[in-house]
Amino acid sequence: MVKLLTAEDLRAFFRGFAAAIELDQIRVDTLPAHRFHHEYSDSVWRSWRNTHLRYLNQLLLTLDMIPPAELEKLTWIATNHEPAFLGEATLNVFAEAATSSAEMNDLATAKLFFDRFIEVVMRSSNPKLVDGDAAALMMRWLPVTDPLRIAQDPECGYRIPLGCVN
């Protein structure tokens, strides 16, 4: 019997993502200037992180409105798709929300966020059973280091530090 995801599991996922973003900013703030590409814009990437954090806080306020049927779908998705694929889908939906006015668009609540996430996953995947607990698998969707993949942008240049675990 598969243990269904709960609103608390989703809350832990969003809080973990927010903490990783905050830690990433702290880590980047400690890097010496020579580690950055000459076109790196601190204000752009700081704003990108802050936009994601504001949106995550908005989603956290609406998690309890996700119906049981949707939690069941999310459980099935978590246990039938590779975490890396689901992480990519998650980041894509977050980026979509971060580049528009999340308060006024169709991603304004956690339910709407996960509706879009489910749509993206179901449209572009081939399910394959993944062994593990849905909540534990969900925590593997996004990396702890460089969660928004900013270090991978060519204009940043600072790269993920050696020895970090994702």
N, C-alpha and C. Protein backbone atom coordinates (compact mmCIF):
# COMPACT_ATOMS: atom_id res chain seq x y z
N MET A 1 0.84 -1.19 0.00
CA MET A 1 0.00 0.00 0.00
C MET A 1 0.88 1.25 0.00
N VAL A 2 0.65 2.12 -0.94
CA VAL A 2 1.42 3.35 -1.07
C VAL A 2 0.87 4.40 -0.10
N LYS A 3 1.77 5.04 0.63
CA LYS A 3 1.36 6.12 1.54
C LYS A 3 1.15 7.39 0.71
N LEU A 4 -0.07 7.94 0.78
CA LEU A 4 -0.40 9.13 0.01
C LEU A 4 0.32 10.36 0.54
N LEU A 5 0.68 11.24 -0.38
CA LEU A 5 1.24 12.52 0.02
C LEU A 5 0.18 13.31 0.78
N THR A 6 0.63 14.14 1.68
CA THR A 6 -0.26 15.00 2.46
C THR A 6 0.12 16.46 2.23
N ALA A 7 -0.73 17.36 2.68
CA ALA A 7 -0.40 18.78 2.62
C ALA A 7 0.88 19.06 3.40
N GLU A 8 1.11 18.33 4.47
CA GLU A 8 2.34 18.51 5.26
C GLU A 8 3.58 18.08 4.46
N ASP A 9 3.45 17.03 3.66
CA ASP A 9 4.57 16.61 2.80
C ASP A 9 4.89 17.71 1.79
N LEU A 10 3.86 18.30 1.20
CA LEU A 10 4.05 19.38 0.23
C LEU A 10 4.64 20.61 0.91
N ARG A 11 4.19 20.87 2.13
CA ARG A 11 4.72 21.99 2.90
C ARG A 11 6.22 21.79 3.17
N ALA A 12 6.60 20.58 3.53
CA ALA A 12 8.02 20.28 3.76
C ALA A 12 8.83 20.46 2.48
N PHE A 13 8.26 20.06 1.35
CA PHE A 13 8.93 20.21 0.06
C PHE A 13 9.15 21.70 -0.25
N PHE A 14 8.09 22.51 -0.12
CA PHE A 14 8.21 23.95 -0.41
C PHE A 14 9.16 24.63 0.57
N ARG A 15 9.09 24.27 1.83
CA ARG A 15 9.99 24.88 2.82
C ARG A 15 11.44 24.48 2.57
N GLY A 16 11.66 23.24 2.19
CA GLY A 16 13.01 22.79 1.86
C GLY A 16 13.56 23.53 0.65
N PHE A 17 12.71 23.74 -0.34
CA PHE A 17 13.12 24.48 -1.54
C PHE A 17 13.46 25.92 -1.16
N ALA A 18 12.62 26.55 -0.34
CA ALA A 18 12.88 27.92 0.09
C ALA A 18 14.20 28.01 0.87
N ALA A 19 14.43 27.06 1.76
CA ALA A 19 15.67 27.06 2.54
C ALA A 19 16.89 26.91 1.63
N ALA A 20 16.78 26.05 0.61
CA ALA A 20 17.89 25.85 -0.32
C ALA A 20 18.17 27.13 -1.11
N ILE A 21 17.12 27.85 -1.50
CA ILE A 21 17.30 29.12 -2.21
C ILE A 21 17.99 30.14 -1.31
N GLU A 22 17.55 30.23 -0.07
CA GLU A 22 18.17 31.17 0.87
C GLU A 22 19.64 30.82 1.13
N LEU A 23 19.93 29.55 1.30
CA LEU A 23 21.32 29.13 1.51
C LEU A 23 22.17 29.39 0.28
N ASP A 24 21.59 29.22 -0.89
CA ASP A 24 22.31 29.49 -2.12
C ASP A 24 22.71 30.97 -2.19
N GLN A 25 21.80 31.86 -1.81
CA GLN A 25 22.12 33.29 -1.82
C GLN A 25 23.25 33.58 -0.83
N ILE A 26 23.19 32.98 0.34
CA ILE A 26 24.25 33.18 1.34
C ILE A 26 25.58 32.69 0.79
N ARG A 27 25.57 31.52 0.15
CA ARG A 27 26.81 30.96 -0.42
C ARG A 27 27.37 31.89 -1.49
N VAL A 28 26.51 32.38 -2.37
CA VAL A 28 26.96 33.26 -3.46
C VAL A 28 27.49 34.57 -2.89
N ASP A 29 26.86 35.08 -1.84
CA ASP A 29 27.33 36.33 -1.22
C ASP A 29 28.74 36.22 -0.66
N THR A 30 29.19 35.01 -0.36
CA THR A 30 30.53 34.83 0.21
C THR A 30 31.61 34.64 -0.86
N LEU A 31 31.21 34.48 -2.11
CA LEU A 31 32.20 34.24 -3.17
C LEU A 31 32.95 35.51 -3.51
N PRO A 32 34.25 35.40 -3.78
CA PRO A 32 35.02 36.57 -4.20
C PRO A 32 34.62 37.00 -5.62
N ALA A 33 34.77 38.27 -5.91
CA ALA A 33 34.34 38.84 -7.19
C ALA A 33 34.96 38.14 -8.40
N HIS A 34 36.20 37.67 -8.28
CA HIS A 34 36.86 37.05 -9.43
C HIS A 34 36.21 35.74 -9.86
N ARG A 35 35.34 35.16 -9.03
CA ARG A 35 34.66 33.91 -9.39
C ARG A 35 33.51 34.13 -10.37
N PHE A 36 33.08 35.37 -10.56
CA PHE A 36 31.93 35.67 -11.40
C PHE A 36 32.34 36.11 -12.80
N HIS A 37 31.51 35.79 -13.76
CA HIS A 37 31.68 36.26 -15.13
C HIS A 37 31.53 37.79 -15.11
N HIS A 38 32.20 38.47 -16.02
CA HIS A 38 32.15 39.94 -16.02
C HIS A 38 30.76 40.48 -16.32
N GLU A 39 29.88 39.68 -16.91
CA GLU A 39 28.51 40.12 -17.20
C GLU A 39 27.51 39.72 -16.10
N TYR A 40 28.00 39.11 -15.04
CA TYR A 40 27.12 38.68 -13.95
C TYR A 40 26.44 39.89 -13.32
N SER A 41 25.14 39.78 -13.11
CA SER A 41 24.38 40.85 -12.48
C SER A 41 23.81 40.34 -11.15
N ASP A 42 24.41 40.77 -10.07
CA ASP A 42 23.95 40.33 -8.75
C ASP A 42 22.48 40.68 -8.54
N SER A 43 22.07 41.87 -8.95
CA SER A 43 20.69 42.30 -8.70
C SER A 43 19.68 41.45 -9.47
N VAL A 44 20.02 41.02 -10.67
CA VAL A 44 19.11 40.17 -11.45
C VAL A 44 18.90 38.84 -10.76
N TRP A 45 19.98 38.18 -10.36
CA TRP A 45 19.87 36.86 -9.76
C TRP A 45 19.33 36.91 -8.34
N ARG A 46 19.64 37.98 -7.62
CA ARG A 46 19.07 38.17 -6.28
C ARG A 46 17.55 38.34 -6.40
N SER A 47 17.13 39.10 -7.38
CA SER A 47 15.70 39.30 -7.63
C SER A 47 15.02 37.99 -8.03
N TRP A 48 15.70 37.18 -8.85
CA TRP A 48 15.16 35.88 -9.28
C TRP A 48 14.93 34.98 -8.05
N ARG A 49 15.90 34.95 -7.16
CA ARG A 49 15.74 34.16 -5.93
C ARG A 49 14.59 34.71 -5.08
N ASN A 50 14.55 36.04 -4.91
CA ASN A 50 13.51 36.65 -4.08
C ASN A 50 12.12 36.44 -4.67
N THR A 51 12.00 36.49 -5.98
CA THR A 51 10.71 36.24 -6.62
C THR A 51 10.24 34.82 -6.33
N HIS A 52 11.14 33.87 -6.41
CA HIS A 52 10.79 32.48 -6.09
C HIS A 52 10.39 32.34 -4.62
N LEU A 53 11.11 33.01 -3.74
CA LEU A 53 10.78 32.93 -2.31
C LEU A 53 9.41 33.53 -2.02
N ARG A 54 9.10 34.67 -2.63
CA ARG A 54 7.77 35.27 -2.44
C ARG A 54 6.68 34.34 -2.95
N TYR A 55 6.92 33.74 -4.11
CA TYR A 55 5.93 32.83 -4.68
C TYR A 55 5.76 31.58 -3.81
N LEU A 56 6.85 31.04 -3.31
CA LEU A 56 6.77 29.89 -2.40
C LEU A 56 5.95 30.23 -1.16
N ASN A 57 6.17 31.41 -0.60
CA ASN A 57 5.39 31.83 0.57
C ASN A 57 3.91 31.94 0.23
N GLN A 58 3.61 32.42 -0.95
CA GLN A 58 2.22 32.50 -1.41
C GLN A 58 1.61 31.11 -1.51
N LEU A 59 2.36 30.17 -2.06
CA LEU A 59 1.86 28.80 -2.20
C LEU A 59 1.65 28.13 -0.84
N LEU A 60 2.56 28.39 0.08
CA LEU A 60 2.45 27.78 1.42
C LEU A 60 1.13 28.15 2.10
N LEU A 61 0.61 29.33 1.81
CA LEU A 61 -0.64 29.78 2.43
C LEU A 61 -1.86 29.02 1.92
N THR A 62 -1.73 28.36 0.77
CA THR A 62 -2.89 27.72 0.15
C THR A 62 -2.78 26.20 0.05
N LEU A 63 -1.79 25.62 0.68
CA LEU A 63 -1.59 24.16 0.57
C LEU A 63 -2.76 23.34 1.09
N ASP A 64 -3.41 23.81 2.12
CA ASP A 64 -4.50 23.03 2.72
C ASP A 64 -5.74 22.96 1.83
N MET A 65 -5.75 23.70 0.74
CA MET A 65 -6.90 23.67 -0.17
C MET A 65 -6.76 22.63 -1.28
N ILE A 66 -5.68 21.86 -1.26
CA ILE A 66 -5.49 20.83 -2.28
C ILE A 66 -6.37 19.63 -1.92
N PRO A 67 -7.25 19.22 -2.84
CA PRO A 67 -8.17 18.11 -2.54
C PRO A 67 -7.45 16.76 -2.51
N PRO A 68 -8.01 15.79 -1.79
CA PRO A 68 -7.42 14.46 -1.69
C PRO A 68 -7.16 13.81 -3.05
N ALA A 69 -8.02 14.02 -4.02
CA ALA A 69 -7.83 13.41 -5.35
C ALA A 69 -6.54 13.92 -6.00
N GLU A 70 -6.24 15.19 -5.78
CA GLU A 70 -5.00 15.75 -6.34
C GLU A 70 -3.78 15.21 -5.61
N LEU A 71 -3.88 15.04 -4.30
CA LEU A 71 -2.78 14.44 -3.54
C LEU A 71 -2.53 13.01 -4.02
N GLU A 72 -3.59 12.32 -4.37
CA GLU A 72 -3.45 10.96 -4.91
C GLU A 72 -2.73 10.98 -6.25
N LYS A 73 -3.08 11.93 -7.12
CA LYS A 73 -2.38 12.07 -8.42
C LYS A 73 -0.91 12.38 -8.21
N LEU A 74 -0.63 13.29 -7.30
CA LEU A 74 0.76 13.66 -7.02
C LEU A 74 1.55 12.48 -6.46
N THR A 75 0.91 11.67 -5.64
CA THR A 75 1.55 10.47 -5.11
C THR A 75 1.90 9.52 -6.25
N TRP A 76 0.97 9.32 -7.16
CA TRP A 76 1.21 8.43 -8.30
C TRP A 76 2.36 8.98 -9.15
N ILE A 77 2.35 10.27 -9.41
CA ILE A 77 3.42 10.89 -10.20
C ILE A 77 4.77 10.69 -9.51
N ALA A 78 4.83 10.95 -8.21
CA ALA A 78 6.09 10.84 -7.46
C ALA A 78 6.66 9.44 -7.49
N THR A 79 5.80 8.43 -7.54
CA THR A 79 6.27 7.04 -7.50
C THR A 79 6.33 6.39 -8.87
N ASN A 80 6.05 7.16 -9.92
CA ASN A 80 6.07 6.60 -11.27
C ASN A 80 6.87 7.42 -12.26
N HIS A 81 7.72 8.31 -11.75
CA HIS A 81 8.58 9.12 -12.61
C HIS A 81 9.91 9.35 -11.90
N GLU A 82 10.96 9.44 -12.66
CA GLU A 82 12.28 9.69 -12.09
C GLU A 82 12.32 11.07 -11.41
N PRO A 83 12.93 11.16 -10.24
CA PRO A 83 13.01 12.44 -9.54
C PRO A 83 13.64 13.56 -10.39
N ALA A 84 14.65 13.26 -11.17
CA ALA A 84 15.29 14.30 -11.99
C ALA A 84 14.32 14.89 -13.00
N PHE A 85 13.51 14.04 -13.62
CA PHE A 85 12.50 14.52 -14.58
C PHE A 85 11.49 15.41 -13.87
N LEU A 86 11.04 14.99 -12.69
CA LEU A 86 10.04 15.76 -11.95
C LEU A 86 10.63 17.07 -11.44
N GLY A 87 11.91 17.07 -11.11
CA GLY A 87 12.58 18.31 -10.71
C GLY A 87 12.61 19.31 -11.84
N GLU A 88 12.91 18.83 -13.04
CA GLU A 88 12.91 19.71 -14.22
C GLU A 88 11.52 20.30 -14.45
N ALA A 89 10.50 19.46 -14.36
CA ALA A 89 9.13 19.93 -14.54
C ALA A 89 8.76 20.96 -13.47
N THR A 90 9.17 20.70 -12.23
CA THR A 90 8.89 21.62 -11.13
C THR A 90 9.54 22.98 -11.38
N LEU A 91 10.81 22.98 -11.76
CA LEU A 91 11.51 24.24 -12.03
C LEU A 91 10.88 24.99 -13.18
N ASN A 92 10.42 24.28 -14.19
CA ASN A 92 9.77 24.94 -15.33
C ASN A 92 8.48 25.65 -14.91
N VAL A 93 7.69 25.01 -14.06
CA VAL A 93 6.45 25.65 -13.59
C VAL A 93 6.78 26.83 -12.67
N PHE A 94 7.78 26.68 -11.82
CA PHE A 94 8.20 27.80 -10.98
C PHE A 94 8.69 28.97 -11.83
N ALA A 95 9.47 28.68 -12.86
CA ALA A 95 9.97 29.75 -13.73
C ALA A 95 8.82 30.45 -14.44
N GLU A 96 7.84 29.69 -14.86
CA GLU A 96 6.66 30.28 -15.50
C GLU A 96 5.97 31.26 -14.55
N ALA A 97 5.81 30.85 -13.31
CA ALA A 97 5.16 31.71 -12.32
C ALA A 97 6.03 32.92 -11.98
N ALA A 98 7.34 32.71 -11.90
CA ALA A 98 8.25 33.79 -11.51
C ALA A 98 8.41 34.85 -12.58
N THR A 99 8.12 34.51 -13.83
CA THR A 99 8.28 35.48 -14.91
C THR A 99 6.98 36.20 -15.22
N SER A 100 5.94 35.95 -14.43
CA SER A 100 4.67 36.66 -14.60
C SER A 100 4.18 37.11 -13.23
N SER A 101 3.04 37.70 -13.19
CA SER A 101 2.48 38.15 -11.92
C SER A 101 1.72 36.99 -11.28
N ALA A 102 2.40 36.25 -10.41
CA ALA A 102 1.82 35.04 -9.83
C ALA A 102 0.53 35.31 -9.06
N GLU A 103 0.40 36.50 -8.48
CA GLU A 103 -0.81 36.79 -7.72
C GLU A 103 -2.04 36.89 -8.63
N MET A 104 -1.83 37.24 -9.89
CA MET A 104 -2.95 37.51 -10.77
C MET A 104 -3.09 36.50 -11.90
N ASN A 105 -2.26 35.50 -11.94
CA ASN A 105 -2.36 34.55 -13.06
C ASN A 105 -2.93 33.23 -12.61
N ASP A 106 -2.87 32.28 -13.50
CA ASP A 106 -3.49 30.98 -13.22
C ASP A 106 -2.61 30.05 -12.39
N LEU A 107 -1.59 30.58 -11.74
CA LEU A 107 -0.73 29.78 -10.85
C LEU A 107 -0.71 30.37 -9.44
N ALA A 108 -1.76 31.09 -9.07
CA ALA A 108 -1.77 31.85 -7.83
C ALA A 108 -1.90 31.02 -6.56
N THR A 109 -2.32 29.77 -6.66
CA THR A 109 -2.48 28.93 -5.47
C THR A 109 -1.69 27.64 -5.64
N ALA A 110 -1.49 26.94 -4.53
CA ALA A 110 -0.79 25.65 -4.59
C ALA A 110 -1.55 24.67 -5.47
N LYS A 111 -2.87 24.67 -5.39
CA LYS A 111 -3.66 23.76 -6.22
C LYS A 111 -3.43 24.06 -7.70
N LEU A 112 -3.47 25.34 -8.07
CA LEU A 112 -3.24 25.70 -9.47
C LEU A 112 -1.81 25.39 -9.91
N PHE A 113 -0.85 25.60 -9.01
CA PHE A 113 0.54 25.23 -9.31
C PHE A 113 0.62 23.74 -9.63
N PHE A 114 0.06 22.91 -8.76
CA PHE A 114 0.14 21.47 -8.98
C PHE A 114 -0.73 21.00 -10.14
N ASP A 115 -1.83 21.70 -10.43
CA ASP A 115 -2.60 21.38 -11.64
C ASP A 115 -1.71 21.53 -12.87
N ARG A 116 -0.97 22.64 -12.93
CA ARG A 116 -0.07 22.88 -14.07
C ARG A 116 1.06 21.86 -14.08
N PHE A 117 1.62 21.58 -12.92
CA PHE A 117 2.69 20.59 -12.81
C PHE A 117 2.21 19.23 -13.33
N ILE A 118 1.04 18.80 -12.90
CA ILE A 118 0.48 17.51 -13.35
C ILE A 118 0.29 17.52 -14.86
N GLU A 119 -0.22 18.62 -15.39
CA GLU A 119 -0.42 18.75 -16.84
C GLU A 119 0.91 18.61 -17.59
N VAL A 120 1.93 19.30 -17.12
CA VAL A 120 3.26 19.25 -17.75
C VAL A 120 3.82 17.84 -17.71
N VAL A 121 3.75 17.20 -16.56
CA VAL A 121 4.30 15.85 -16.40
C VAL A 121 3.56 14.85 -17.28
N MET A 122 2.24 14.90 -17.26
CA MET A 122 1.46 13.92 -18.00
C MET A 122 1.59 14.10 -19.52
N ARG A 123 1.85 15.32 -19.95
CA ARG A 123 1.99 15.61 -21.37
C ARG A 123 3.35 15.16 -21.92
N SER A 124 4.35 15.08 -21.06
CA SER A 124 5.70 14.88 -21.59
C SER A 124 6.48 13.76 -20.92
N SER A 125 5.81 12.69 -20.54
CA SER A 125 6.57 11.64 -19.87
C SER A 125 6.09 10.25 -20.22
N ASN A 126 6.95 9.30 -19.92
CA ASN A 126 6.62 7.88 -19.99
C ASN A 126 6.77 7.34 -18.58
N PRO A 127 5.64 7.05 -17.92
CA PRO A 127 5.73 6.57 -16.53
C PRO A 127 6.55 5.30 -16.39
N LYS A 128 7.25 5.22 -15.28
CA LYS A 128 8.05 4.04 -14.95
C LYS A 128 8.12 3.97 -13.43
N LEU A 129 7.69 2.87 -12.87
CA LEU A 129 7.65 2.72 -11.42
C LEU A 129 9.02 3.01 -10.80
N VAL A 130 9.02 3.86 -9.78
CA VAL A 130 10.24 4.20 -9.04
C VAL A 130 10.03 3.71 -7.62
N ASP A 131 10.99 2.96 -7.11
CA ASP A 131 10.87 2.39 -5.78
C ASP A 131 11.10 3.46 -4.72
N GLY A 132 10.19 3.56 -3.78
CA GLY A 132 10.38 4.47 -2.67
C GLY A 132 9.10 5.13 -2.22
N ASP A 133 9.20 5.79 -1.09
CA ASP A 133 8.10 6.54 -0.50
C ASP A 133 7.91 7.84 -1.28
N ALA A 134 6.67 8.20 -1.59
CA ALA A 134 6.39 9.39 -2.39
C ALA A 134 6.98 10.65 -1.77
N ALA A 135 6.83 10.82 -0.47
CA ALA A 135 7.35 12.02 0.19
C ALA A 135 8.88 12.08 0.11
N ALA A 136 9.54 10.95 0.32
CA ALA A 136 11.00 10.91 0.23
C ALA A 136 11.47 11.16 -1.20
N LEU A 137 10.76 10.59 -2.17
CA LEU A 137 11.12 10.80 -3.57
C LEU A 137 10.94 12.27 -3.95
N MET A 138 9.88 12.89 -3.45
CA MET A 138 9.62 14.29 -3.75
C MET A 138 10.77 15.19 -3.27
N MET A 139 11.35 14.85 -2.14
CA MET A 139 12.45 15.65 -1.61
C MET A 139 13.71 15.55 -2.48
N ARG A 140 13.73 14.61 -3.41
CA ARG A 140 14.86 14.45 -4.34
C ARG A 140 14.64 15.19 -5.65
N TRP A 141 13.49 15.82 -5.83
CA TRP A 141 13.21 16.49 -7.10
C TRP A 141 14.14 17.66 -7.36
N LEU A 142 14.49 18.41 -6.33
CA LEU A 142 15.28 19.62 -6.51
C LEU A 142 16.58 19.52 -5.74
N PRO A 143 17.67 20.03 -6.31
CA PRO A 143 18.96 19.94 -5.63
C PRO A 143 19.03 20.89 -4.43
N VAL A 144 19.84 20.52 -3.48
CA VAL A 144 20.07 21.36 -2.30
C VAL A 144 21.01 22.50 -2.65
N THR A 145 21.99 22.23 -3.48
CA THR A 145 22.95 23.24 -3.92
C THR A 145 22.52 23.77 -5.28
N ASP A 146 22.49 25.08 -5.42
CA ASP A 146 22.07 25.74 -6.66
C ASP A 146 20.68 25.26 -7.10
N PRO A 147 19.67 25.39 -6.23
CA PRO A 147 18.35 24.84 -6.53
C PRO A 147 17.68 25.45 -7.75
N LEU A 148 18.02 26.69 -8.10
CA LEU A 148 17.43 27.33 -9.28
C LEU A 148 18.33 27.21 -10.50
N ARG A 149 19.44 26.51 -10.34
CA ARG A 149 20.42 26.28 -11.42
C ARG A 149 21.02 27.57 -11.99
N ILE A 150 21.13 28.55 -11.14
CA ILE A 150 21.71 29.83 -11.55
C ILE A 150 23.19 29.67 -11.89
N ALA A 151 23.91 28.86 -11.14
CA ALA A 151 25.35 28.66 -11.38
C ALA A 151 25.61 28.08 -12.76
N GLN A 152 24.62 27.43 -13.34
CA GLN A 152 24.79 26.82 -14.66
C GLN A 152 24.59 27.82 -15.80
N ASP A 153 24.11 29.01 -15.48
CA ASP A 153 23.92 30.03 -16.51
C ASP A 153 25.29 30.54 -16.94
N PRO A 154 25.54 30.64 -18.25
CA PRO A 154 26.86 31.06 -18.74
C PRO A 154 27.32 32.42 -18.22
N GLU A 155 26.41 33.34 -17.95
CA GLU A 155 26.83 34.66 -17.49
C GLU A 155 27.20 34.70 -16.01
N CYS A 156 26.98 33.60 -15.31
CA CYS A 156 27.33 33.58 -13.88
C CYS A 156 28.78 33.19 -13.68
N GLY A 157 29.15 32.04 -14.18
CA GLY A 157 30.54 31.64 -14.16
C GLY A 157 31.08 31.08 -12.87
N TYR A 158 30.34 31.15 -11.77
CA TYR A 158 30.92 30.71 -10.50
C TYR A 158 30.80 29.21 -10.26
N ARG A 159 29.97 28.52 -10.97
CA ARG A 159 29.80 27.06 -10.91
C ARG A 159 29.47 26.54 -9.51
N ILE A 160 28.95 25.34 -9.49
CA ILE A 160 28.63 24.67 -8.23
C ILE A 160 29.95 24.27 -7.57
N PRO A 161 30.12 24.56 -6.28
CA PRO A 161 31.38 24.21 -5.61
C PRO A 161 31.59 22.71 -5.53
N LEU A 162 32.84 22.31 -5.59
CA LEU A 162 33.18 20.89 -5.46
C LEU A 162 32.82 20.40 -4.07
N GLY A 163 32.40 19.15 -4.00
CA GLY A 163 32.07 18.55 -2.72
C GLY A 163 30.65 18.77 -2.26
N CYS A 164 29.84 19.50 -3.03
CA CYS A 164 28.45 19.72 -2.64
C CYS A 164 27.60 18.54 -3.07
N VAL A 165 26.61 18.26 -2.28
CA VAL A 165 25.71 17.14 -2.55
C VAL A 165 24.39 17.67 -3.07
N ASN A 166 23.90 17.05 -4.12
CA ASN A 166 22.59 17.42 -4.67
C ASN A 166 21.65 16.25 -4.57
